[in-house]
PDB file of all heavy atoms in Angstrom:
ATOM      1  N   PRO A   1    -126.419  59.714  -6.965  1.00  0.00           N
ATOM      2  CA  PRO A   1    -127.443  58.773  -7.154  1.00  0.00           C
ATOM      3  C   PRO A   1    -127.060  57.353  -6.490  1.00  0.00           C
ATOM      4  O   PRO A   1    -125.879  56.913  -6.560  1.00  0.00           O
ATOM      5  CB  PRO A   1    -127.590  58.563  -8.651  1.00  0.00           C
ATOM      6  CG  PRO A   1    -126.201  58.953  -9.151  1.00  0.00           C
ATOM      7  CD  PRO A   1    -125.695  60.043  -8.357  1.00  0.00           C
ATOM      8  N   ILE A   2    -128.027  56.639  -5.979  1.00  0.00           N
ATOM      9  CA  ILE A   2    -127.771  55.316  -5.338  1.00  0.00           C
ATOM     10  C   ILE A   2    -127.511  54.364  -6.503  1.00  0.00           C
ATOM     11  O   ILE A   2    -128.193  54.274  -7.551  1.00  0.00           O
ATOM     12  CB  ILE A   2    -128.998  54.872  -4.448  1.00  0.00           C
ATOM     13  CG1 ILE A   2    -129.210  55.745  -3.323  1.00  0.00           C
ATOM     14  CG2 ILE A   2    -128.779  53.465  -4.083  1.00  0.00           C
ATOM     15  CD1 ILE A   2    -130.437  55.594  -2.627  1.00  0.00           C
ATOM     16  N   SER A   3    -126.490  53.477  -6.234  1.00  0.00           N
ATOM     17  CA  SER A   3    -126.231  52.368  -7.293  1.00  0.00           C
ATOM     18  C   SER A   3    -127.015  51.146  -6.979  1.00  0.00           C
ATOM     19  O   SER A   3    -126.714  50.339  -6.229  1.00  0.00           O
ATOM     20  CB  SER A   3    -124.784  52.059  -7.174  1.00  0.00           C
ATOM     21  OG  SER A   3    -124.516  51.077  -8.199  1.00  0.00           O
ATOM     22  N   TYR A   4    -128.383  51.183  -7.678  1.00  0.00           N
ATOM     23  CA  TYR A   4    -129.108  50.013  -7.341  1.00  0.00           C
ATOM     24  C   TYR A   4    -128.714  48.819  -7.846  1.00  0.00           C
ATOM     25  O   TYR A   4    -128.978  47.687  -7.379  1.00  0.00           O
ATOM     26  CB  TYR A   4    -130.549  50.404  -8.097  1.00  0.00           C
ATOM     27  CG  TYR A   4    -131.207  51.531  -7.323  1.00  0.00           C
ATOM     28  CD1 TYR A   4    -131.348  52.837  -7.993  1.00  0.00           C
ATOM     29  CD2 TYR A   4    -131.851  51.370  -6.110  1.00  0.00           C
ATOM     30  CE1 TYR A   4    -131.902  53.855  -7.325  1.00  0.00           C
ATOM     31  CE2 TYR A   4    -132.547  52.454  -5.493  1.00  0.00           C
ATOM     32  CZ  TYR A   4    -132.532  53.698  -6.101  1.00  0.00           C
ATOM     33  OH  TYR A   4    -133.170  54.819  -5.439  1.00  0.00           O
ATOM     34  N   ALA A   5    -127.917  48.895  -9.007  1.00  0.00           N
ATOM     35  CA  ALA A   5    -127.249  47.604  -9.543  1.00  0.00           C
ATOM     36  C   ALA A   5    -126.337  46.925  -8.555  1.00  0.00           C
ATOM     37  O   ALA A   5    -126.276  45.708  -8.317  1.00  0.00           O
ATOM     38  CB  ALA A   5    -126.427  48.041 -10.855  1.00  0.00           C
ATOM     39  N   VAL A   6    -125.545  47.824  -7.789  1.00  0.00           N
ATOM     40  CA  VAL A   6    -124.593  47.296  -6.866  1.00  0.00           C
ATOM     41  C   VAL A   6    -125.516  46.659  -5.810  1.00  0.00           C
ATOM     42  O   VAL A   6    -125.072  45.603  -5.246  1.00  0.00           O
ATOM     43  CB  VAL A   6    -123.660  48.370  -6.331  1.00  0.00           C
ATOM     44  CG1 VAL A   6    -122.931  47.747  -5.153  1.00  0.00           C
ATOM     45  CG2 VAL A   6    -122.747  48.804  -7.354  1.00  0.00           C
ATOM     46  N   GLU A   7    -126.575  47.368  -5.283  1.00  0.00           N
ATOM     47  CA  GLU A   7    -127.345  46.840  -4.231  1.00  0.00           C
ATOM     48  C   GLU A   7    -127.928  45.450  -4.548  1.00  0.00           C
ATOM     49  O   GLU A   7    -128.053  44.490  -3.679  1.00  0.00           O
ATOM     50  CB  GLU A   7    -128.521  47.887  -3.838  1.00  0.00           C
ATOM     51  CG  GLU A   7    -128.002  48.977  -2.995  1.00  0.00           C
ATOM     52  CD  GLU A   7    -128.994  49.879  -2.478  1.00  0.00           C
ATOM     53  OE1 GLU A   7    -130.215  49.835  -3.007  1.00  0.00           O
ATOM     54  OE2 GLU A   7    -128.851  50.569  -1.394  1.00  0.00           O
ATOM     55  N   ALA A   8    -128.416  45.354  -5.788  1.00  0.00           N
ATOM     56  CA  ALA A   8    -129.030  44.091  -6.308  1.00  0.00           C
ATOM     57  C   ALA A   8    -127.999  43.006  -6.278  1.00  0.00           C
ATOM     58  O   ALA A   8    -128.295  41.853  -5.885  1.00  0.00           O
ATOM     59  CB  ALA A   8    -129.529  44.258  -7.563  1.00  0.00           C
ATOM     60  N   PHE A   9    -126.722  43.361  -6.717  1.00  0.00           N
ATOM     61  CA  PHE A   9    -125.754  42.364  -6.731  1.00  0.00           C
ATOM     62  C   PHE A   9    -125.329  41.922  -5.220  1.00  0.00           C
ATOM     63  O   PHE A   9    -125.214  40.785  -5.054  1.00  0.00           O
ATOM     64  CB  PHE A   9    -124.444  43.164  -7.464  1.00  0.00           C
ATOM     65  CG  PHE A   9    -123.284  42.218  -7.355  1.00  0.00           C
ATOM     66  CD1 PHE A   9    -123.114  41.027  -8.113  1.00  0.00           C
ATOM     67  CD2 PHE A   9    -122.214  42.433  -6.412  1.00  0.00           C
ATOM     68  CE1 PHE A   9    -122.036  40.138  -8.141  1.00  0.00           C
ATOM     69  CE2 PHE A   9    -121.117  41.743  -6.229  1.00  0.00           C
ATOM     70  CZ  PHE A   9    -121.018  40.541  -7.097  1.00  0.00           C
ATOM     71  N   VAL A  10    -125.221  42.867  -4.342  1.00  0.00           N
ATOM     72  CA  VAL A  10    -124.879  42.543  -2.977  1.00  0.00           C
ATOM     73  C   VAL A  10    -126.079  41.526  -2.354  1.00  0.00           C
ATOM     74  O   VAL A  10    -125.647  40.504  -1.795  1.00  0.00           O
ATOM     75  CB  VAL A  10    -124.842  43.894  -2.144  1.00  0.00           C
ATOM     76  CG1 VAL A  10    -124.717  43.386  -0.611  1.00  0.00           C
ATOM     77  CG2 VAL A  10    -123.606  44.518  -2.579  1.00  0.00           C
ATOM     78  N   ARG A  11    -127.263  41.848  -2.676  1.00  0.00           N
ATOM     79  CA  ARG A  11    -128.319  41.080  -2.135  1.00  0.00           C
ATOM     80  C   ARG A  11    -128.289  39.549  -2.715  1.00  0.00           C
ATOM     81  O   ARG A  11    -128.484  38.605  -1.960  1.00  0.00           O
ATOM     82  CB  ARG A  11    -129.647  41.678  -2.510  1.00  0.00           C
ATOM     83  CG  ARG A  11    -130.114  42.808  -1.496  1.00  0.00           C
ATOM     84  CD  ARG A  11    -131.548  43.155  -1.726  1.00  0.00           C
ATOM     85  NE  ARG A  11    -131.946  43.581  -2.963  1.00  0.00           N
ATOM     86  CZ  ARG A  11    -131.821  44.945  -3.380  1.00  0.00           C
ATOM     87  NH1 ARG A  11    -131.495  45.834  -2.451  1.00  0.00           N
ATOM     88  NH2 ARG A  11    -132.126  45.323  -4.623  1.00  0.00           N
ATOM     89  N   LYS A  12    -128.029  39.575  -4.065  1.00  0.00           N
ATOM     90  CA  LYS A  12    -127.905  38.247  -4.659  1.00  0.00           C
ATOM     91  C   LYS A  12    -126.706  37.301  -4.039  1.00  0.00           C
ATOM     92  O   LYS A  12    -126.850  36.186  -3.875  1.00  0.00           O
ATOM     93  CB  LYS A  12    -127.819  38.433  -6.242  1.00  0.00           C
ATOM     94  CG  LYS A  12    -127.898  37.041  -6.946  1.00  0.00           C
ATOM     95  CD  LYS A  12    -127.999  37.294  -8.374  1.00  0.00           C
ATOM     96  CE  LYS A  12    -128.220  36.017  -9.190  1.00  0.00           C
ATOM     97  NZ  LYS A  12    -129.481  35.346  -8.824  1.00  0.00           N
ATOM     98  N   LEU A  13    -125.661  38.135  -3.861  1.00  0.00           N
ATOM     99  CA  LEU A  13    -124.483  37.444  -3.326  1.00  0.00           C
ATOM    100  C   LEU A  13    -124.693  36.858  -1.893  1.00  0.00           C
ATOM    101  O   LEU A  13    -124.231  35.771  -1.604  1.00  0.00           O
ATOM    102  CB  LEU A  13    -123.405  38.421  -3.358  1.00  0.00           C
ATOM    103  CG  LEU A  13    -121.993  37.930  -2.962  1.00  0.00           C
ATOM    104  CD1 LEU A  13    -121.515  36.764  -3.820  1.00  0.00           C
ATOM    105  CD2 LEU A  13    -120.959  39.054  -2.737  1.00  0.00           C
ATOM    106  N   LYS A  14    -125.348  37.695  -1.164  1.00  0.00           N
ATOM    107  CA  LYS A  14    -125.693  37.365   0.222  1.00  0.00           C
ATOM    108  C   LYS A  14    -126.760  36.079   0.229  1.00  0.00           C
ATOM    109  O   LYS A  14    -126.546  35.093   1.039  1.00  0.00           O
ATOM    110  CB  LYS A  14    -126.411  38.408   1.014  1.00  0.00           C
ATOM    111  CG  LYS A  14    -125.264  39.517   1.521  1.00  0.00           C
ATOM    112  CD  LYS A  14    -125.935  40.635   2.331  1.00  0.00           C
ATOM    113  CE  LYS A  14    -124.907  41.601   2.725  1.00  0.00           C
ATOM    114  NZ  LYS A  14    -125.436  42.660   3.576  1.00  0.00           N
ATOM    115  N   ASP A  15    -127.612  36.057  -0.711  1.00  0.00           N
ATOM    116  CA  ASP A  15    -128.569  34.946  -0.806  1.00  0.00           C
ATOM    117  C   ASP A  15    -127.737  33.638  -1.213  1.00  0.00           C
ATOM    118  O   ASP A  15    -128.095  32.603  -0.685  1.00  0.00           O
ATOM    119  CB  ASP A  15    -129.619  35.193  -1.821  1.00  0.00           C
ATOM    120  CG  ASP A  15    -130.527  36.283  -1.340  1.00  0.00           C
ATOM    121  OD1 ASP A  15    -130.673  36.464  -0.228  1.00  0.00           O
ATOM    122  OD2 ASP A  15    -131.321  36.925  -2.212  1.00  0.00           O
ATOM    123  N   ILE A  16    -126.816  33.780  -2.169  1.00  0.00           N
ATOM    124  CA  ILE A  16    -126.029  32.632  -2.592  1.00  0.00           C
ATOM    125  C   ILE A  16    -125.272  32.085  -1.349  1.00  0.00           C
ATOM    126  O   ILE A  16    -125.131  30.937  -1.191  1.00  0.00           O
ATOM    127  CB  ILE A  16    -125.179  32.990  -3.649  1.00  0.00           C
ATOM    128  CG1 ILE A  16    -125.974  33.267  -4.901  1.00  0.00           C
ATOM    129  CG2 ILE A  16    -124.185  31.894  -3.975  1.00  0.00           C
ATOM    130  CD1 ILE A  16    -125.159  33.876  -6.098  1.00  0.00           C
ATOM    131  N   GLN A  17    -124.566  32.896  -0.650  1.00  0.00           N
ATOM    132  CA  GLN A  17    -123.851  32.552   0.611  1.00  0.00           C
ATOM    133  C   GLN A  17    -124.625  31.927   1.575  1.00  0.00           C
ATOM    134  O   GLN A  17    -124.221  30.844   2.178  1.00  0.00           O
ATOM    135  CB  GLN A  17    -123.160  33.727   1.115  1.00  0.00           C
ATOM    136  CG  GLN A  17    -121.945  34.382   0.172  1.00  0.00           C
ATOM    137  CD  GLN A  17    -121.406  35.654   0.797  1.00  0.00           C
ATOM    138  OE1 GLN A  17    -121.961  36.186   1.742  1.00  0.00           O
ATOM    139  NE2 GLN A  17    -120.244  36.100   0.244  1.00  0.00           N
ATOM    140  N   LEU A  18    -125.927  32.395   1.831  1.00  0.00           N
ATOM    141  CA  LEU A  18    -126.705  31.764   2.914  1.00  0.00           C
ATOM    142  C   LEU A  18    -127.198  30.453   2.438  1.00  0.00           C
ATOM    143  O   LEU A  18    -127.286  29.464   3.179  1.00  0.00           O
ATOM    144  CB  LEU A  18    -128.031  32.706   3.036  1.00  0.00           C
ATOM    145  CG  LEU A  18    -128.939  32.377   4.110  1.00  0.00           C
ATOM    146  CD1 LEU A  18    -128.194  32.320   5.458  1.00  0.00           C
ATOM    147  CD2 LEU A  18    -130.130  33.249   4.157  1.00  0.00           C
ATOM    148  N   THR A  19    -127.523  30.338   1.099  1.00  0.00           N
ATOM    149  CA  THR A  19    -128.019  28.914   0.656  1.00  0.00           C
ATOM    150  C   THR A  19    -126.821  27.982   0.705  1.00  0.00           C
ATOM    151  O   THR A  19    -127.022  26.795   1.130  1.00  0.00           O
ATOM    152  CB  THR A  19    -128.395  29.173  -0.824  1.00  0.00           C
ATOM    153  OG1 THR A  19    -129.477  30.024  -0.952  1.00  0.00           O
ATOM    154  CG2 THR A  19    -128.811  27.782  -1.328  1.00  0.00           C
ATOM    155  N   GLN A  20    -125.580  28.327   0.524  1.00  0.00           N
ATOM    156  CA  GLN A  20    -124.464  27.454   0.581  1.00  0.00           C
ATOM    157  C   GLN A  20    -124.170  26.933   2.150  1.00  0.00           C
ATOM    158  O   GLN A  20    -123.740  25.715   2.316  1.00  0.00           O
ATOM    159  CB  GLN A  20    -123.239  28.081   0.075  1.00  0.00           C
ATOM    160  CG  GLN A  20    -123.234  28.296  -1.428  1.00  0.00           C
ATOM    161  CD  GLN A  20    -122.039  29.028  -1.996  1.00  0.00           C
ATOM    162  OE1 GLN A  20    -121.317  29.677  -1.154  1.00  0.00           O
ATOM    163  NE2 GLN A  20    -121.817  29.156  -3.227  1.00  0.00           N
ATOM    164  N   LYS A  21    -124.474  27.821   3.092  1.00  0.00           N
ATOM    165  CA  LYS A  21    -124.286  27.408   4.438  1.00  0.00           C
ATOM    166  C   LYS A  21    -125.234  26.368   4.829  1.00  0.00           C
ATOM    167  O   LYS A  21    -124.980  25.684   5.893  1.00  0.00           O
ATOM    168  CB  LYS A  21    -124.398  28.628   5.300  1.00  0.00           C
ATOM    169  CG  LYS A  21    -123.075  29.577   5.136  1.00  0.00           C
ATOM    170  CD  LYS A  21    -123.234  30.774   6.078  1.00  0.00           C
ATOM    171  CE  LYS A  21    -122.100  31.768   5.891  1.00  0.00           C
ATOM    172  NZ  LYS A  21    -122.281  33.027   6.689  1.00  0.00           N
ATOM    173  N   LYS A  22    -126.389  26.195   4.371  1.00  0.00           N
ATOM    174  CA  LYS A  22    -127.422  25.307   4.714  1.00  0.00           C
ATOM    175  C   LYS A  22    -127.340  24.008   4.148  1.00  0.00           C
ATOM    176  O   LYS A  22    -127.801  23.522   3.122  1.00  0.00           O
ATOM    177  CB  LYS A  22    -128.896  25.852   4.355  1.00  0.00           C
ATOM    178  CG  LYS A  22    -129.222  27.190   5.024  1.00  0.00           C
ATOM    179  CD  LYS A  22    -130.644  27.604   4.636  1.00  0.00           C
ATOM    180  CE  LYS A  22    -131.044  28.839   5.387  1.00  0.00           C
ATOM    181  NZ  LYS A  22    -132.348  29.339   4.981  1.00  0.00           N
ATOM    182  N   THR A  23    -126.218  23.275   4.695  1.00  0.00           N
ATOM    183  CA  THR A  23    -125.858  22.014   4.211  1.00  0.00           C
ATOM    184  C   THR A  23    -126.940  20.906   4.622  1.00  0.00           C
ATOM    185  O   THR A  23    -126.944  19.818   4.026  1.00  0.00           O
ATOM    186  CB  THR A  23    -124.328  21.618   4.724  1.00  0.00           C
ATOM    187  OG1 THR A  23    -124.401  21.716   6.086  1.00  0.00           O
ATOM    188  CG2 THR A  23    -123.391  22.562   4.095  1.00  0.00           C
ATOM    189  N   VAL A  24    -127.451  21.211   5.834  1.00  0.00           N
ATOM    190  CA  VAL A  24    -128.521  19.975   6.346  1.00  0.00           C
ATOM    191  C   VAL A  24    -129.795  20.692   6.089  1.00  0.00           C
ATOM    192  O   VAL A  24    -130.163  21.778   6.444  1.00  0.00           O
ATOM    193  CB  VAL A  24    -128.110  20.047   7.928  1.00  0.00           C
ATOM    194  CG1 VAL A  24    -129.272  18.956   8.451  1.00  0.00           C
ATOM    195  CG2 VAL A  24    -126.793  19.558   8.188  1.00  0.00           C
ATOM    196  N   PRO A  25    -130.711  19.838   5.520  1.00  0.00           N
ATOM    197  CA  PRO A  25    -132.103  20.213   5.313  1.00  0.00           C
ATOM    198  C   PRO A  25    -132.719  20.700   6.591  1.00  0.00           C
ATOM    199  O   PRO A  25    -132.529  20.087   7.601  1.00  0.00           O
ATOM    200  CB  PRO A  25    -132.751  19.024   4.752  1.00  0.00           C
ATOM    201  CG  PRO A  25    -131.571  18.111   4.157  1.00  0.00           C
ATOM    202  CD  PRO A  25    -130.364  18.545   5.132  1.00  0.00           C
ATOM    203  N   VAL A  26    -133.462  21.776   6.493  1.00  0.00           N
ATOM    204  CA  VAL A  26    -134.124  22.360   7.645  1.00  0.00           C
ATOM    205  C   VAL A  26    -135.048  21.427   8.300  1.00  0.00           C
ATOM    206  O   VAL A  26    -135.069  21.223   9.653  1.00  0.00           O
ATOM    207  CB  VAL A  26    -134.813  23.614   7.296  1.00  0.00           C
ATOM    208  CG1 VAL A  26    -135.621  24.237   8.481  1.00  0.00           C
ATOM    209  CG2 VAL A  26    -133.900  24.645   6.780  1.00  0.00           C
ATOM    210  N   LYS A  27    -135.984  20.662   7.504  1.00  0.00           N
ATOM    211  CA  LYS A  27    -136.948  19.818   8.060  1.00  0.00           C
ATOM    212  C   LYS A  27    -136.246  18.676   8.888  1.00  0.00           C
ATOM    213  O   LYS A  27    -136.749  18.224  10.009  1.00  0.00           O
ATOM    214  CB  LYS A  27    -137.803  19.303   7.038  1.00  0.00           C
ATOM    215  CG  LYS A  27    -138.804  20.222   6.465  1.00  0.00           C
ATOM    216  CD  LYS A  27    -139.728  19.662   5.385  1.00  0.00           C
ATOM    217  CE  LYS A  27    -140.719  20.589   4.902  1.00  0.00           C
ATOM    218  NZ  LYS A  27    -141.570  19.980   3.918  1.00  0.00           N
ATOM    219  N   LYS A  28    -135.105  18.124   8.302  1.00  0.00           N
ATOM    220  CA  LYS A  28    -134.549  17.004   8.957  1.00  0.00           C
ATOM    221  C   LYS A  28    -133.824  17.422  10.253  1.00  0.00           C
ATOM    222  O   LYS A  28    -133.835  16.792  11.266  1.00  0.00           O
ATOM    223  CB  LYS A  28    -133.368  16.479   8.000  1.00  0.00           C
ATOM    224  CG  LYS A  28    -132.654  15.244   8.599  1.00  0.00           C
ATOM    225  CD  LYS A  28    -131.732  14.747   7.581  1.00  0.00           C
ATOM    226  CE  LYS A  28    -131.024  13.388   8.087  1.00  0.00           C
ATOM    227  NZ  LYS A  28    -129.957  12.965   7.088  1.00  0.00           N
ATOM    228  N   LYS A  29    -133.211  18.706  10.243  1.00  0.00           N
ATOM    229  CA  LYS A  29    -132.643  19.116  11.455  1.00  0.00           C
ATOM    230  C   LYS A  29    -133.623  19.515  12.537  1.00  0.00           C
ATOM    231  O   LYS A  29    -133.391  19.077  13.700  1.00  0.00           O
ATOM    232  CB  LYS A  29    -131.899  20.420  11.171  1.00  0.00           C
ATOM    233  CG  LYS A  29    -131.018  20.930  12.324  1.00  0.00           C
ATOM    234  CD  LYS A  29    -130.184  22.172  11.978  1.00  0.00           C
ATOM    235  CE  LYS A  29    -129.429  22.678  13.107  1.00  0.00           C
ATOM    236  NZ  LYS A  29    -128.495  23.733  12.715  1.00  0.00           N
ATOM    237  N   LEU A  30    -134.784  19.980  12.237  1.00  0.00           N
ATOM    238  CA  LEU A  30    -135.798  20.338  13.074  1.00  0.00           C
ATOM    239  C   LEU A  30    -136.441  18.981  13.686  1.00  0.00           C
ATOM    240  O   LEU A  30    -136.619  18.923  14.883  1.00  0.00           O
ATOM    241  CB  LEU A  30    -136.913  21.099  12.288  1.00  0.00           C
ATOM    242  CG  LEU A  30    -136.679  22.599  12.242  1.00  0.00           C
ATOM    243  CD1 LEU A  30    -137.729  23.267  11.501  1.00  0.00           C
ATOM    244  CD2 LEU A  30    -136.305  23.413  13.517  1.00  0.00           C
ATOM    245  N   HIS A  31    -136.633  17.964  12.787  1.00  0.00           N
ATOM    246  CA  HIS A  31    -137.096  16.691  13.361  1.00  0.00           C
ATOM    247  C   HIS A  31    -136.128  16.079  14.396  1.00  0.00           C
ATOM    248  O   HIS A  31    -136.475  15.535  15.289  1.00  0.00           O
ATOM    249  CB  HIS A  31    -137.221  15.806  12.104  1.00  0.00           C
ATOM    250  CG  HIS A  31    -137.792  14.400  12.546  1.00  0.00           C
ATOM    251  ND1 HIS A  31    -139.092  14.243  12.856  1.00  0.00           N
ATOM    252  CD2 HIS A  31    -137.052  13.229  12.636  1.00  0.00           C
ATOM    253  CE1 HIS A  31    -139.136  12.965  13.199  1.00  0.00           C
ATOM    254  NE2 HIS A  31    -138.125  12.320  12.962  1.00  0.00           N
ATOM    255  N   SER A  32    -134.790  16.265  14.141  1.00  0.00           N
ATOM    256  CA  SER A  32    -133.881  15.713  15.046  1.00  0.00           C
ATOM    257  C   SER A  32    -133.966  16.434  16.360  1.00  0.00           C
ATOM    258  O   SER A  32    -133.785  15.839  17.438  1.00  0.00           O
ATOM    259  CB  SER A  32    -132.441  15.732  14.438  1.00  0.00           C
ATOM    260  OG  SER A  32    -131.567  15.317  15.420  1.00  0.00           O
ATOM    261  N   LEU A  33    -134.051  17.676  16.277  1.00  0.00           N
ATOM    262  CA  LEU A  33    -134.246  18.660  17.492  1.00  0.00           C
ATOM    263  C   LEU A  33    -135.407  18.205  18.353  1.00  0.00           C
ATOM    264  O   LEU A  33    -135.313  18.150  19.564  1.00  0.00           O
ATOM    265  CB  LEU A  33    -134.177  20.110  17.188  1.00  0.00           C
ATOM    266  CG  LEU A  33    -132.805  20.586  16.733  1.00  0.00           C
ATOM    267  CD1 LEU A  33    -133.067  22.058  16.232  1.00  0.00           C
ATOM    268  CD2 LEU A  33    -131.717  20.478  17.752  1.00  0.00           C
ATOM    269  N   VAL A  34    -136.570  18.065  17.573  1.00  0.00           N
ATOM    270  CA  VAL A  34    -137.769  17.754  18.380  1.00  0.00           C
ATOM    271  C   VAL A  34    -137.597  16.387  19.030  1.00  0.00           C
ATOM    272  O   VAL A  34    -138.061  16.149  20.102  1.00  0.00           O
ATOM    273  CB  VAL A  34    -138.959  17.695  17.212  1.00  0.00           C
ATOM    274  CG1 VAL A  34    -140.140  17.058  17.946  1.00  0.00           C
ATOM    275  CG2 VAL A  34    -139.278  19.091  16.871  1.00  0.00           C
ATOM    276  N   GLN A  35    -137.040  15.382  18.272  1.00  0.00           N
ATOM    277  CA  GLN A  35    -136.924  13.988  18.898  1.00  0.00           C
ATOM    278  C   GLN A  35    -136.053  14.063  20.095  1.00  0.00           C
ATOM    279  O   GLN A  35    -136.288  13.343  21.130  1.00  0.00           O
ATOM    280  CB  GLN A  35    -136.369  13.075  17.876  1.00  0.00           C
ATOM    281  CG  GLN A  35    -137.304  12.692  16.830  1.00  0.00           C
ATOM    282  CD  GLN A  35    -138.620  12.133  17.190  1.00  0.00           C
ATOM    283  OE1 GLN A  35    -138.556  11.286  18.047  1.00  0.00           O
ATOM    284  NE2 GLN A  35    -139.681  12.670  16.681  1.00  0.00           N
ATOM    285  N   GLU A  36    -135.018  14.846  20.039  1.00  0.00           N
ATOM    286  CA  GLU A  36    -134.050  14.952  21.129  1.00  0.00           C
ATOM    287  C   GLU A  36    -134.789  15.599  22.373  1.00  0.00           C
ATOM    288  O   GLU A  36    -134.499  15.206  23.566  1.00  0.00           O
ATOM    289  CB  GLU A  36    -132.813  15.673  20.586  1.00  0.00           C
ATOM    290  CG  GLU A  36    -131.759  15.945  21.786  1.00  0.00           C
ATOM    291  CD  GLU A  36    -130.591  16.830  21.300  1.00  0.00           C
ATOM    292  OE1 GLU A  36    -130.437  17.007  20.082  1.00  0.00           O
ATOM    293  OE2 GLU A  36    -129.697  17.169  22.247  1.00  0.00           O
ATOM    294  N   GLN A  37    -135.601  16.646  21.990  1.00  0.00           N
ATOM    295  CA  GLN A  37    -136.294  17.309  23.182  1.00  0.00           C
ATOM    296  C   GLN A  37    -137.236  16.422  23.784  1.00  0.00           C
ATOM    297  O   GLN A  37    -137.414  16.372  25.124  1.00  0.00           O
ATOM    298  CB  GLN A  37    -136.921  18.643  22.635  1.00  0.00           C
ATOM    299  CG  GLN A  37    -137.472  19.493  23.731  1.00  0.00           C
ATOM    300  CD  GLN A  37    -136.270  20.112  24.580  1.00  0.00           C
ATOM    301  OE1 GLN A  37    -135.162  20.314  24.147  1.00  0.00           O
ATOM    302  NE2 GLN A  37    -136.660  20.451  25.761  1.00  0.00           N
ATOM    303  N   LYS A  38    -138.070  15.682  22.986  1.00  0.00           N
ATOM    304  CA  LYS A  38    -139.065  14.752  23.619  1.00  0.00           C
ATOM    305  C   LYS A  38    -138.447  13.679  24.330  1.00  0.00           C
ATOM    306  O   LYS A  38    -138.974  13.323  25.350  1.00  0.00           O
ATOM    307  CB  LYS A  38    -139.797  14.042  22.371  1.00  0.00           C
ATOM    308  CG  LYS A  38    -140.796  15.042  21.573  1.00  0.00           C
ATOM    309  CD  LYS A  38    -141.351  14.421  20.411  1.00  0.00           C
ATOM    310  CE  LYS A  38    -142.162  13.264  20.626  1.00  0.00           C
ATOM    311  NZ  LYS A  38    -142.773  12.732  19.490  1.00  0.00           N
ATOM    312  N   SER A  39    -137.269  13.095  24.020  1.00  0.00           N
ATOM    313  CA  SER A  39    -136.525  12.126  24.787  1.00  0.00           C
ATOM    314  C   SER A  39    -136.070  12.783  26.100  1.00  0.00           C
ATOM    315  O   SER A  39    -136.158  12.113  27.089  1.00  0.00           O
ATOM    316  CB  SER A  39    -135.348  11.720  23.973  1.00  0.00           C
ATOM    317  OG  SER A  39    -134.563  10.729  24.728  1.00  0.00           O
ATOM    318  N   SER A  40    -135.691  14.035  26.067  1.00  0.00           N
ATOM    319  CA  SER A  40    -135.119  14.667  27.296  1.00  0.00           C
ATOM    320  C   SER A  40    -136.253  14.930  28.248  1.00  0.00           C
ATOM    321  O   SER A  40    -136.230  14.570  29.585  1.00  0.00           O
ATOM    322  CB  SER A  40    -134.493  15.884  26.980  1.00  0.00           C
ATOM    323  OG  SER A  40    -134.146  16.695  28.082  1.00  0.00           O
ATOM    324  N   ILE A  41    -137.452  15.244  27.590  1.00  0.00           N
ATOM    325  CA  ILE A  41    -138.673  15.524  28.529  1.00  0.00           C
ATOM    326  C   ILE A  41    -139.150  14.241  29.163  1.00  0.00           C
ATOM    327  O   ILE A  41    -139.554  14.227  30.275  1.00  0.00           O
ATOM    328  CB  ILE A  41    -139.794  16.227  27.663  1.00  0.00           C
ATOM    329  CG1 ILE A  41    -139.274  17.653  27.308  1.00  0.00           C
ATOM    330  CG2 ILE A  41    -141.081  16.303  28.568  1.00  0.00           C
ATOM    331  CD1 ILE A  41    -140.237  18.378  26.354  1.00  0.00           C
ATOM    332  N   SER A  42    -139.306  13.134  28.323  1.00  0.00           N
ATOM    333  CA  SER A  42    -139.673  11.886  28.762  1.00  0.00           C
ATOM    334  C   SER A  42    -138.871  11.400  29.938  1.00  0.00           C
ATOM    335  O   SER A  42    -139.289  10.775  30.958  1.00  0.00           O
ATOM    336  CB  SER A  42    -139.694  10.850  27.682  1.00  0.00           C
ATOM    337  OG  SER A  42    -140.642  11.205  26.663  1.00  0.00           O
TER     338      SER A  42
END
């Protein structure tokens, strides 16, 4: 049998690690990239 408990644990662990890596808010980072690109194009 498949160990669904282990699979659930692994998925949760990966979600926690992914959340920890996102130290910079996505919106703020995207805004900065957009401004940089607009400046370059201008």
